[in-house]
Amino acid sequence: MQYRITHTTKYTYSEPVPVFENKLHLAPRTTACQHCSSYRLMVMPDPLRIDSHADYFGNRVEYFSILNALRTLSVTSTSTVEVFEPSAPVDVDDSPPWEELRQGLLKPPNDAWRDACMFSFASDFVPISTSLAEFAKPSFTPGRPILAAAADLTRRINEQFHYNSRATDISTPVDVVLSQKAGVCQDFAHLQIACLRSLGLAARYVSGYLRTIPPPGKEKLVGADASHAWLSVFAGNAVWVDFDPTNNVLPTQDHVTVAYGRDYGDVCPIQGVFVGGGSHTMSVSVDVSTL
């Protein structure tokens, strides 16, 4: 499946902003499951510079500075990505027992396991706690295959938690999400990652896009698609498998990966600092169209 993805973020400020510094994670990755053939970034007004490099996780990161007073800012990324059809469905029962993964992460046998270890510890948005481990335990029965257990936890989060964009913001702690049983995709990804890490397993946060399909007889609305978040679970020997608790699916061709890291803080699409500006408003439009 080939996509053209347009992601536009617009800011409007009540007072002039003389200094603006920004950091972006907007360029889709090229992976074994997808290929990004083109990417273009447009910033208005023109920035003083745009720098780009790969971060520690291999994500493309861009920086730009604007030193002229502005009241409006527009950031648009346009990408062409092909997402490959899986050669075969993931057999969640054909994976090692989860205890074997936990033990291997304690004494990593090779570089792939050592690289995975960083995703087994607490991070800024992902705590480790006994309450999170207890919530996960019904899915992680003795000897159960790691992917089958992760799939069951994905299902439980999807069934027990309600999607509510007003219930949380990006600073809402995972334990609050757990207690109120509501949140958005970032919350559910952080929650499942926290549960897995609380059991001594490795999981990473994935940011990207989700193609939406309109109801029968309705036209697709331009800009109505969404940036999205899910997670990837380490299953041993450089094998990572994605799970989407918001939709209770294993991501395939409707999901486009942009970046991954320990949590949202590593892969925030747009973050920065500015001087002045007073109050401001922000609007976001995402369009994922097939080619």
C-alpha atoms as a PDB file:
ATOM      1  CA  MET A   1       0.000   0.000   0.000  1.00  0.00           C
ATOM      2  CA  GLN A   2       1.413   3.390  -1.038  1.00  0.00           C
ATOM      3  CA  TYR A   3       0.523   6.564   0.816  1.00  0.00           C
ATOM      4  CA  ARG A   4       1.064  10.279   0.504  1.00  0.00           C
ATOM      5  CA  ILE A   5       1.008  11.797   3.978  1.00  0.00           C
ATOM      6  CA  THR A   6       0.586  15.508   4.648  1.00  0.00           C
ATOM      7  CA  HIS A   7       0.899  16.727   8.233  1.00  0.00           C
ATOM      8  CA  THR A   8       0.318  20.443   8.872  1.00  0.00           C
ATOM      9  CA  THR A   9       0.581  22.223  12.212  1.00  0.00           C
ATOM     10  CA  LYS A  10      -0.311  25.912  12.475  1.00  0.00           C
ATOM     11  CA  TYR A  11       0.342  28.225  15.425  1.00  0.00           C
ATOM     12  CA  THR A  12      -1.144  31.687  15.949  1.00  0.00           C
ATOM     13  CA  TYR A  13       0.262  33.999  18.643  1.00  0.00           C
ATOM     14  CA  SER A  14      -1.372  37.018  20.274  1.00  0.00           C
ATOM     15  CA  GLU A  15       1.984  38.827  20.515  1.00  0.00           C
ATOM     16  CA  PRO A  16       5.110  38.764  18.324  1.00  0.00           C
ATOM     17  CA  VAL A  17       7.559  35.887  18.819  1.00  0.00           C
ATOM     18  CA  PRO A  18      11.126  37.150  18.186  1.00  0.00           C
ATOM     19  CA  VAL A  19      12.921  33.847  18.886  1.00  0.00           C
ATOM     20  CA  PHE A  20      11.689  30.383  17.949  1.00  0.00           C
ATOM     21  CA  GLU A  21      13.606  27.063  18.197  1.00  0.00           C
ATOM     22  CA  ASN A  22      11.982  23.779  17.228  1.00  0.00           C
ATOM     23  CA  LYS A  23      12.739  20.053  17.076  1.00  0.00           C
ATOM     24  CA  LEU A  24      10.775  17.727  14.781  1.00  0.00           C
ATOM     25  CA  HIS A  25      10.147  13.999  14.404  1.00  0.00           C
ATOM     26  CA  LEU A  26       8.017  14.018  11.251  1.00  0.00           C
ATOM     27  CA  ALA A  27       9.953  11.958   8.685  1.00  0.00           C
ATOM     28  CA  PRO A  28       8.733   8.334   8.427  1.00  0.00           C
ATOM     29  CA  ARG A  29      11.341   5.644   8.980  1.00  0.00           C
ATOM     30  CA  THR A  30      12.392   3.130   6.366  1.00  0.00           C
ATOM     31  CA  THR A  31      12.125  -0.309   7.952  1.00  0.00           C
ATOM     32  CA  ALA A  32      11.721  -3.938   6.950  1.00  0.00           C
ATOM     33  CA  CYS A  33       7.960  -3.253   6.807  1.00  0.00           C
ATOM     34  CA  GLN A  34       7.889   0.078   4.961  1.00  0.00           C
ATOM     35  CA  HIS A  35       9.904   2.327   2.642  1.00  0.00           C
ATOM     36  CA  CYS A  36       9.865   6.118   2.684  1.00  0.00           C
ATOM     37  CA  SER A  37      10.688   7.202  -0.886  1.00  0.00           C
ATOM     38  CA  SER A  38      10.298  10.954  -0.433  1.00  0.00           C
ATOM     39  CA  TYR A  39      10.031  13.507   2.338  1.00  0.00           C
ATOM     40  CA  ARG A  40       9.765  17.295   2.252  1.00  0.00           C
ATOM     41  CA  LEU A  41       9.510  19.831   5.060  1.00  0.00           C
ATOM     42  CA  MET A  42       8.081  23.314   4.559  1.00  0.00           C
ATOM     43  CA  VAL A  43       8.212  25.956   7.305  1.00  0.00           C
ATOM     44  CA  MET A  44       6.562  29.362   6.940  1.00  0.00           C
ATOM     45  CA  PRO A  45       7.987  31.901   7.509  1.00  0.00           C
ATOM     46  CA  ASP A  46      11.334  30.665   6.246  1.00  0.00           C
ATOM     47  CA  PRO A  47      13.626  29.609   9.098  1.00  0.00           C
ATOM     48  CA  LEU A  48      17.176  30.791   9.602  1.00  0.00           C
ATOM     49  CA  ARG A  49      18.304  27.195   9.122  1.00  0.00           C
ATOM     50  CA  ILE A  50      17.054  23.602   9.082  1.00  0.00           C
ATOM     51  CA  ASP A  51      19.427  20.935  10.356  1.00  0.00           C
ATOM     52  CA  SER A  52      18.864  17.194  10.243  1.00  0.00           C
ATOM     53  CA  HIS A  53      20.476  14.111  11.752  1.00  0.00           C
ATOM     54  CA  ALA A  54      19.652  10.608  12.980  1.00  0.00           C
ATOM     55  CA  ASP A  55      19.071  10.316  16.719  1.00  0.00           C
ATOM     56  CA  TYR A  56      20.220   7.477  18.984  1.00  0.00           C
ATOM     57  CA  PHE A  57      17.293   5.302  17.878  1.00  0.00           C
ATOM     58  CA  GLY A  58      17.838   5.924  14.170  1.00  0.00           C
ATOM     59  CA  ASN A  59      14.938   8.360  13.782  1.00  0.00           C
ATOM     60  CA  ARG A  60      15.359  11.403  11.562  1.00  0.00           C
ATOM     61  CA  VAL A  61      15.326  14.571  13.670  1.00  0.00           C
ATOM     62  CA  GLU A  62      15.133  18.104  12.281  1.00  0.00           C
ATOM     63  CA  TYR A  63      15.831  21.427  13.964  1.00  0.00           C
ATOM     64  CA  PHE A  64      14.982  24.921  12.801  1.00  0.00           C
ATOM     65  CA  SER A  65      15.366  28.448  14.147  1.00  0.00           C
ATOM     66  CA  ILE A  66      13.458  31.627  13.373  1.00  0.00           C
ATOM     67  CA  LEU A  67      14.860  34.901  14.699  1.00  0.00           C
ATOM     68  CA  ASN A  68      12.419  37.303  13.029  1.00  0.00           C
ATOM     69  CA  ALA A  69       9.305  38.391  14.900  1.00  0.00           C
ATOM     70  CA  LEU A  70       6.279  36.346  13.861  1.00  0.00           C
ATOM     71  CA  ARG A  71       2.648  35.943  14.853  1.00  0.00           C
ATOM     72  CA  THR A  72       1.887  32.837  12.803  1.00  0.00           C
ATOM     73  CA  LEU A  73       3.905  29.700  12.111  1.00  0.00           C
ATOM     74  CA  SER A  74       3.098  26.836   9.759  1.00  0.00           C
ATOM     75  CA  VAL A  75       4.984  23.512   9.634  1.00  0.00           C
ATOM     76  CA  THR A  76       4.057  21.059   6.876  1.00  0.00           C
ATOM     77  CA  SER A  77       5.679  17.711   6.146  1.00  0.00           C
ATOM     78  CA  THR A  78       4.852  15.713   3.019  1.00  0.00           C
ATOM     79  CA  SER A  79       5.931  12.086   2.674  1.00  0.00           C
ATOM     80  CA  THR A  80       5.493   9.209   0.254  1.00  0.00           C
ATOM     81  CA  VAL A  81       5.594   5.834   1.980  1.00  0.00           C
ATOM     82  CA  GLU A  82       4.999   2.267   0.847  1.00  0.00           C
ATOM     83  CA  VAL A  83       3.859  -0.117   3.586  1.00  0.00           C
ATOM     84  CA  PHE A  84       4.442  -3.738   2.648  1.00  0.00           C
ATOM     85  CA  GLU A  85       1.904  -6.501   3.065  1.00  0.00           C
ATOM     86  CA  PRO A  86       3.099  -9.045   5.653  1.00  0.00           C
ATOM     87  CA  SER A  87       4.377 -12.259   4.072  1.00  0.00           C
ATOM     88  CA  ALA A  88       2.400 -14.188   6.677  1.00  0.00           C
ATOM     89  CA  PRO A  89       0.239 -13.311   9.694  1.00  0.00           C
ATOM     90  CA  VAL A  90       2.032 -13.160  13.031  1.00  0.00           C
ATOM     91  CA  ASP A  91       1.466 -16.388  14.971  1.00  0.00           C
ATOM     92  CA  VAL A  92       1.440 -15.090  18.530  1.00  0.00           C
ATOM     93  CA  ASP A  93       1.576 -18.633  19.905  1.00  0.00           C
ATOM     94  CA  ASP A  94       4.834 -19.296  18.052  1.00  0.00           C
ATOM     95  CA  SER A  95       7.043 -17.247  20.371  1.00  0.00           C
ATOM     96  CA  PRO A  96       9.174 -17.975  23.450  1.00  0.00           C
ATOM     97  CA  PRO A  97       7.677 -18.085  26.958  1.00  0.00           C
ATOM     98  CA  TRP A  98       7.625 -14.614  28.448  1.00  0.00           C
ATOM     99  CA  GLU A  99       9.762 -15.718  31.408  1.00  0.00           C
ATOM    100  CA  GLU A 100      12.513 -16.657  28.957  1.00  0.00           C
ATOM    101  CA  LEU A 101      12.527 -13.097  27.629  1.00  0.00           C
ATOM    102  CA  ARG A 102      12.685 -11.652  31.134  1.00  0.00           C
ATOM    103  CA  GLN A 103      15.621 -13.883  32.033  1.00  0.00           C
ATOM    104  CA  GLY A 104      17.460 -13.096  28.805  1.00  0.00           C
ATOM    105  CA  LEU A 105      17.191  -9.364  29.433  1.00  0.00           C
ATOM    106  CA  LEU A 106      18.842  -9.835  32.835  1.00  0.00           C
ATOM    107  CA  LYS A 107      21.867 -11.462  31.174  1.00  0.00           C
ATOM    108  CA  PRO A 108      21.810 -10.423  27.508  1.00  0.00           C
ATOM    109  CA  PRO A 109      23.420 -13.110  25.308  1.00  0.00           C
ATOM    110  CA  ASN A 110      24.196 -10.829  22.330  1.00  0.00           C
ATOM    111  CA  ASP A 111      23.961  -7.271  20.971  1.00  0.00           C
ATOM    112  CA  ALA A 112      20.297  -7.565  19.969  1.00  0.00           C
ATOM    113  CA  TRP A 113      19.354  -8.375  23.543  1.00  0.00           C
ATOM    114  CA  ARG A 114      21.655  -5.687  24.934  1.00  0.00           C
ATOM    115  CA  ASP A 115      20.060  -3.105  22.627  1.00  0.00           C
ATOM    116  CA  ALA A 116      16.620  -4.178  23.840  1.00  0.00           C
ATOM    117  CA  CYS A 117      17.584  -3.706  27.493  1.00  0.00           C
ATOM    118  CA  MET A 118      17.194   0.077  27.324  1.00  0.00           C
ATOM    119  CA  PHE A 119      13.488  -0.472  26.645  1.00  0.00           C
ATOM    120  CA  SER A 120      13.002  -2.512  29.822  1.00  0.00           C
ATOM    121  CA  PHE A 121      13.655   0.310  32.310  1.00  0.00           C
ATOM    122  CA  ALA A 122      11.467   3.138  33.593  1.00  0.00           C
ATOM    123  CA  SER A 123      11.548   6.361  31.560  1.00  0.00           C
ATOM    124  CA  ASP A 124      10.058   9.842  31.888  1.00  0.00           C
ATOM    125  CA  PHE A 125       6.548   8.856  30.784  1.00  0.00           C
ATOM    126  CA  VAL A 126       6.709   5.158  31.687  1.00  0.00           C
ATOM    127  CA  PRO A 127       6.965   4.174  35.368  1.00  0.00           C
ATOM    128  CA  ILE A 128       7.538   0.708  36.786  1.00  0.00           C
ATOM    129  CA  SER A 129       5.356  -0.403  39.689  1.00  0.00           C
ATOM    130  CA  THR A 130       3.832  -3.417  41.386  1.00  0.00           C
ATOM    131  CA  SER A 131       0.314  -2.157  40.580  1.00  0.00           C
ATOM    132  CA  LEU A 132       1.117  -2.167  36.867  1.00  0.00           C
ATOM    133  CA  ALA A 133       2.631  -5.638  37.126  1.00  0.00           C
ATOM    134  CA  GLU A 134      -0.499  -6.836  38.936  1.00  0.00           C
ATOM    135  CA  PHE A 135      -2.719  -5.437  36.201  1.00  0.00           C
ATOM    136  CA  ALA A 136      -0.675  -7.305  33.571  1.00  0.00           C
ATOM    137  CA  LYS A 137      -0.421 -10.643  35.402  1.00  0.00           C
ATOM    138  CA  PRO A 138      -3.750 -12.179  34.275  1.00  0.00           C
ATOM    139  CA  SER A 139      -2.376 -12.093  30.718  1.00  0.00           C
ATOM    140  CA  PHE A 140       1.062 -13.400  31.678  1.00  0.00           C
ATOM    141  CA  THR A 141       0.314 -16.842  33.030  1.00  0.00           C
ATOM    142  CA  PRO A 142       3.245 -19.244  33.594  1.00  0.00           C
ATOM    143  CA  GLY A 143       4.859 -20.426  30.368  1.00  0.00           C
ATOM    144  CA  ARG A 144       2.616 -18.407  28.065  1.00  0.00           C
ATOM    145  CA  PRO A 145       4.245 -17.282  24.775  1.00  0.00           C
ATOM    146  CA  ILE A 146       5.343 -13.653  25.000  1.00  0.00           C
ATOM    147  CA  LEU A 147       3.357 -12.513  21.954  1.00  0.00           C
ATOM    148  CA  ALA A 148       0.195 -14.337  23.013  1.00  0.00           C
ATOM    149  CA  ALA A 149       0.430 -12.699  26.431  1.00  0.00           C
ATOM    150  CA  ALA A 150       1.056  -9.271  24.881  1.00  0.00           C
ATOM    151  CA  ALA A 151      -1.913  -9.747  22.530  1.00  0.00           C
ATOM    152  CA  ASP A 152      -4.146 -10.610  25.472  1.00  0.00           C
ATOM    153  CA  LEU A 153      -2.993  -7.525  27.383  1.00  0.00           C
ATOM    154  CA  THR A 154      -3.695  -5.448  24.255  1.00  0.00           C
ATOM    155  CA  ARG A 155      -7.227  -6.862  24.145  1.00  0.00           C
ATOM    156  CA  ARG A 156      -7.850  -6.190  27.834  1.00  0.00           C
ATOM    157  CA  ILE A 157      -6.745  -2.560  27.594  1.00  0.00           C
ATOM    158  CA  ASN A 158      -8.939  -2.079  24.536  1.00  0.00           C
ATOM    159  CA  GLU A 159     -11.966  -3.598  26.290  1.00  0.00           C
ATOM    160  CA  GLN A 160     -11.524  -2.070  29.744  1.00  0.00           C
ATOM    161  CA  PHE A 161     -10.441   1.469  28.831  1.00  0.00           C
ATOM    162  CA  HIS A 162     -12.434   4.177  27.061  1.00  0.00           C
ATOM    163  CA  TYR A 163     -11.051   6.542  24.434  1.00  0.00           C
ATOM    164  CA  ASN A 164     -11.684  10.060  25.718  1.00  0.00           C
ATOM    165  CA  SER A 165      -9.606  12.969  24.434  1.00  0.00           C
ATOM    166  CA  ARG A 166     -10.735  15.144  27.359  1.00  0.00           C
ATOM    167  CA  ALA A 167      -9.723  12.666  30.056  1.00  0.00           C
ATOM    168  CA  THR A 168      -5.971  13.294  29.861  1.00  0.00           C
ATOM    169  CA  ASP A 169      -3.208  15.488  28.512  1.00  0.00           C
ATOM    170  CA  ILE A 170       0.369  14.543  27.720  1.00  0.00           C
ATOM    171  CA  SER A 171       1.421  15.124  31.349  1.00  0.00           C
ATOM    172  CA  THR A 172      -1.179  12.745  32.834  1.00  0.00           C
ATOM    173  CA  PRO A 173       0.670   9.976  34.753  1.00  0.00           C
ATOM    174  CA  VAL A 174       0.162   6.344  33.773  1.00  0.00           C
ATOM    175  CA  ASP A 175      -1.208   5.462  37.213  1.00  0.00           C
ATOM    176  CA  VAL A 176      -3.999   8.022  36.714  1.00  0.00           C
ATOM    177  CA  VAL A 177      -4.822   6.464  33.341  1.00  0.00           C
ATOM    178  CA  LEU A 178      -4.904   3.059  35.032  1.00  0.00           C
ATOM    179  CA  SER A 179      -7.281   4.250  37.758  1.00  0.00           C
ATOM    180  CA  GLN A 180      -9.693   6.249  35.590  1.00  0.00           C
ATOM    181  CA  LYS A 181      -9.725   3.719  32.721  1.00  0.00           C
ATOM    182  CA  ALA A 182      -9.752   6.454  30.066  1.00  0.00           C
ATOM    183  CA  GLY A 183      -7.337   8.273  27.794  1.00  0.00           C
ATOM    184  CA  VAL A 184      -6.042   8.463  24.238  1.00  0.00           C
ATOM    185  CA  CYS A 185      -3.660   6.428  22.100  1.00  0.00           C
ATOM    186  CA  GLN A 186      -0.523   7.818  23.769  1.00  0.00           C
ATOM    187  CA  ASP A 187      -1.915   6.897  27.181  1.00  0.00           C
ATOM    188  CA  PHE A 188      -2.799   3.350  26.168  1.00  0.00           C
ATOM    189  CA  ALA A 189       0.619   2.824  24.565  1.00  0.00           C
ATOM    190  CA  HIS A 190       2.385   4.155  27.676  1.00  0.00           C
ATOM    191  CA  LEU A 191       0.174   2.012  29.905  1.00  0.00           C
ATOM    192  CA  GLN A 192       0.899  -1.214  28.054  1.00  0.00           C
ATOM    193  CA  ILE A 193       4.623  -0.447  27.868  1.00  0.00           C
ATOM    194  CA  ALA A 194       4.642   0.261  31.614  1.00  0.00           C
ATOM    195  CA  CYS A 195       2.887  -3.046  32.319  1.00  0.00           C
ATOM    196  CA  LEU A 196       5.416  -4.965  30.236  1.00  0.00           C
ATOM    197  CA  ARG A 197       8.430  -3.231  31.763  1.00  0.00           C
ATOM    198  CA  SER A 198       7.016  -3.798  35.251  1.00  0.00           C
ATOM    199  CA  LEU A 199       7.259  -7.522  34.467  1.00  0.00           C
ATOM    200  CA  GLY A 200      10.891  -7.151  33.352  1.00  0.00           C
ATOM    201  CA  LEU A 201      10.126  -7.190  29.616  1.00  0.00           C
ATOM    202  CA  ALA A 202      11.198  -4.784  26.865  1.00  0.00           C
ATOM    203  CA  ALA A 203       8.782  -2.606  24.899  1.00  0.00           C
ATOM    204  CA  ARG A 204       9.223   0.603  22.946  1.00  0.00           C
ATOM    205  CA  TYR A 205       6.906   3.474  22.033  1.00  0.00           C
ATOM    206  CA  VAL A 206       6.017   3.928  18.352  1.00  0.00           C
ATOM    207  CA  SER A 207       4.682   7.129  16.803  1.00  0.00           C
ATOM    208  CA  GLY A 208       3.172   7.292  13.354  1.00  0.00           C
ATOM    209  CA  TYR A 209      -0.003   7.674  11.353  1.00  0.00           C
ATOM    210  CA  LEU A 210      -3.202   5.696  11.038  1.00  0.00           C
ATOM    211  CA  ARG A 211      -5.232   5.636   7.856  1.00  0.00           C
ATOM    212  CA  THR A 212      -8.927   6.142   8.547  1.00  0.00           C
ATOM    213  CA  ILE A 213     -11.626   4.627   6.353  1.00  0.00           C
ATOM    214  CA  PRO A 214     -14.891   6.597   6.034  1.00  0.00           C
ATOM    215  CA  PRO A 215     -18.267   4.936   6.607  1.00  0.00           C
ATOM    216  CA  PRO A 216     -19.941   3.390   3.537  1.00  0.00           C
ATOM    217  CA  GLY A 217     -21.387   6.068   1.285  1.00  0.00           C
ATOM    218  CA  LYS A 218     -19.360   8.871   2.875  1.00  0.00           C
ATOM    219  CA  GLU A 219     -16.448  10.728   1.300  1.00  0.00           C
ATOM    220  CA  LYS A 220     -13.103  10.761   3.048  1.00  0.00           C
ATOM    221  CA  LEU A 221     -12.513  14.173   4.622  1.00  0.00           C
ATOM    222  CA  VAL A 222      -9.173  15.759   3.772  1.00  0.00           C
ATOM    223  CA  GLY A 223      -7.156  16.312   6.944  1.00  0.00           C
ATOM    224  CA  ALA A 224      -9.290  13.963   9.026  1.00  0.00           C
ATOM    225  CA  ASP A 225      -6.666  11.269   9.494  1.00  0.00           C
ATOM    226  CA  ALA A 226      -4.591  11.152  12.644  1.00  0.00           C
ATOM    227  CA  SER A 227      -1.168  10.928  14.115  1.00  0.00           C
ATOM    228  CA  HIS A 228      -1.178   7.802  16.237  1.00  0.00           C
ATOM    229  CA  ALA A 229       0.797   5.877  18.842  1.00  0.00           C
ATOM    230  CA  TRP A 230       1.241   2.206  19.605  1.00  0.00           C
ATOM    231  CA  LEU A 231       4.012  -0.035  20.937  1.00  0.00           C
ATOM    232  CA  SER A 232       6.454  -2.723  19.911  1.00  0.00           C
ATOM    233  CA  VAL A 233       7.321  -5.755  22.048  1.00  0.00           C
ATOM    234  CA  PHE A 234      10.712  -7.463  22.064  1.00  0.00           C
ATOM    235  CA  ALA A 235      10.354 -11.179  21.311  1.00  0.00           C
ATOM    236  CA  GLY A 236      14.056 -12.122  21.253  1.00  0.00           C
ATOM    237  CA  ASN A 237      16.896 -12.089  18.699  1.00  0.00           C
ATOM    238  CA  ALA A 238      16.113  -8.677  17.163  1.00  0.00           C
ATOM    239  CA  VAL A 239      12.425  -9.588  16.699  1.00  0.00           C
ATOM    240  CA  TRP A 240      10.019  -6.765  17.547  1.00  0.00           C
ATOM    241  CA  VAL A 241       6.260  -7.085  17.063  1.00  0.00           C
ATOM    242  CA  ASP A 242       3.867  -4.119  17.093  1.00  0.00           C
ATOM    243  CA  PHE A 243       0.595  -3.971  19.036  1.00  0.00           C
ATOM    244  CA  ASP A 244      -2.072  -1.244  18.953  1.00  0.00           C
ATOM    245  CA  PRO A 245      -4.139  -1.267  22.173  1.00  0.00           C
ATOM    246  CA  THR A 246      -6.325   1.619  21.010  1.00  0.00           C
ATOM    247  CA  ASN A 247      -7.725  -0.550  18.210  1.00  0.00           C
ATOM    248  CA  ASN A 248      -6.844  -4.052  19.482  1.00  0.00           C
ATOM    249  CA  VAL A 249      -4.874  -4.950  16.358  1.00  0.00           C
ATOM    250  CA  LEU A 250      -1.411  -5.953  15.285  1.00  0.00           C
ATOM    251  CA  PRO A 251      -0.515  -3.036  12.983  1.00  0.00           C
ATOM    252  CA  THR A 252      -0.198  -3.873   9.304  1.00  0.00           C
ATOM    253  CA  GLN A 253      -0.775  -1.725   6.220  1.00  0.00           C
ATOM    254  CA  ASP A 254      -3.011   0.907   7.830  1.00  0.00           C
ATOM    255  CA  HIS A 255      -0.221   2.004  10.204  1.00  0.00           C
ATOM    256  CA  VAL A 256       2.759   4.111   9.075  1.00  0.00           C
ATOM    257  CA  THR A 257       5.722   4.280  11.456  1.00  0.00           C
ATOM    258  CA  VAL A 258       7.470   7.620  11.924  1.00  0.00           C
ATOM    259  CA  ALA A 259       9.724   7.049  14.933  1.00  0.00           C
ATOM    260  CA  TYR A 260      10.262   4.929  17.999  1.00  0.00           C
ATOM    261  CA  GLY A 261      11.873   5.469  21.389  1.00  0.00           C
ATOM    262  CA  ARG A 262      11.475   4.807  25.091  1.00  0.00           C
ATOM    263  CA  ASP A 263       8.318   6.930  25.320  1.00  0.00           C
ATOM    264  CA  TYR A 264       6.577   9.962  23.824  1.00  0.00           C
ATOM    265  CA  GLY A 265       9.340  12.275  24.997  1.00  0.00           C
ATOM    266  CA  ASP A 266      11.821  10.655  22.603  1.00  0.00           C
ATOM    267  CA  VAL A 267       9.607  11.007  19.523  1.00  0.00           C
ATOM    268  CA  CYS A 268       7.362  14.057  20.029  1.00  0.00           C
ATOM    269  CA  PRO A 269       6.354  15.212  16.503  1.00  0.00           C
ATOM    270  CA  ILE A 270       6.939  18.914  17.209  1.00  0.00           C
ATOM    271  CA  GLN A 271       8.498  20.441  20.295  1.00  0.00           C
ATOM    272  CA  GLY A 272      10.346  23.647  20.930  1.00  0.00           C
ATOM    273  CA  VAL A 273      10.817  26.875  22.834  1.00  0.00           C
ATOM    274  CA  PHE A 274       9.971  30.466  21.997  1.00  0.00           C
ATOM    275  CA  VAL A 275      10.342  33.920  23.541  1.00  0.00           C
ATOM    276  CA  GLY A 276       7.294  36.161  23.898  1.00  0.00           C
ATOM    277  CA  GLY A 277       4.151  35.406  21.940  1.00  0.00           C
ATOM    278  CA  GLY A 278       1.563  35.882  24.684  1.00  0.00           C
ATOM    279  CA  SER A 279      -1.227  33.333  24.305  1.00  0.00           C
ATOM    280  CA  HIS A 280      -1.398  31.026  21.304  1.00  0.00           C
ATOM    281  CA  THR A 281      -3.646  28.583  19.476  1.00  0.00           C
ATOM    282  CA  MET A 282      -2.676  25.482  17.523  1.00  0.00           C
ATOM    283  CA  SER A 283      -4.410  23.501  14.788  1.00  0.00           C
ATOM    284  CA  VAL A 284      -3.308  20.174  13.302  1.00  0.00           C
ATOM    285  CA  SER A 285      -4.347  18.552  10.034  1.00  0.00           C
ATOM    286  CA  VAL A 286      -3.241  15.078   8.899  1.00  0.00           C
ATOM    287  CA  ASP A 287      -4.111  13.523   5.553  1.00  0.00           C
ATOM    288  CA  VAL A 288      -3.137   9.940   4.675  1.00  0.00           C
ATOM    289  CA  SER A 289      -4.158   9.297   1.063  1.00  0.00           C
ATOM    290  CA  THR A 290      -3.553   6.189  -1.035  1.00  0.00           C
ATOM    291  CA  LEU A 291      -1.645   6.417  -4.316  1.00  0.00           C
END
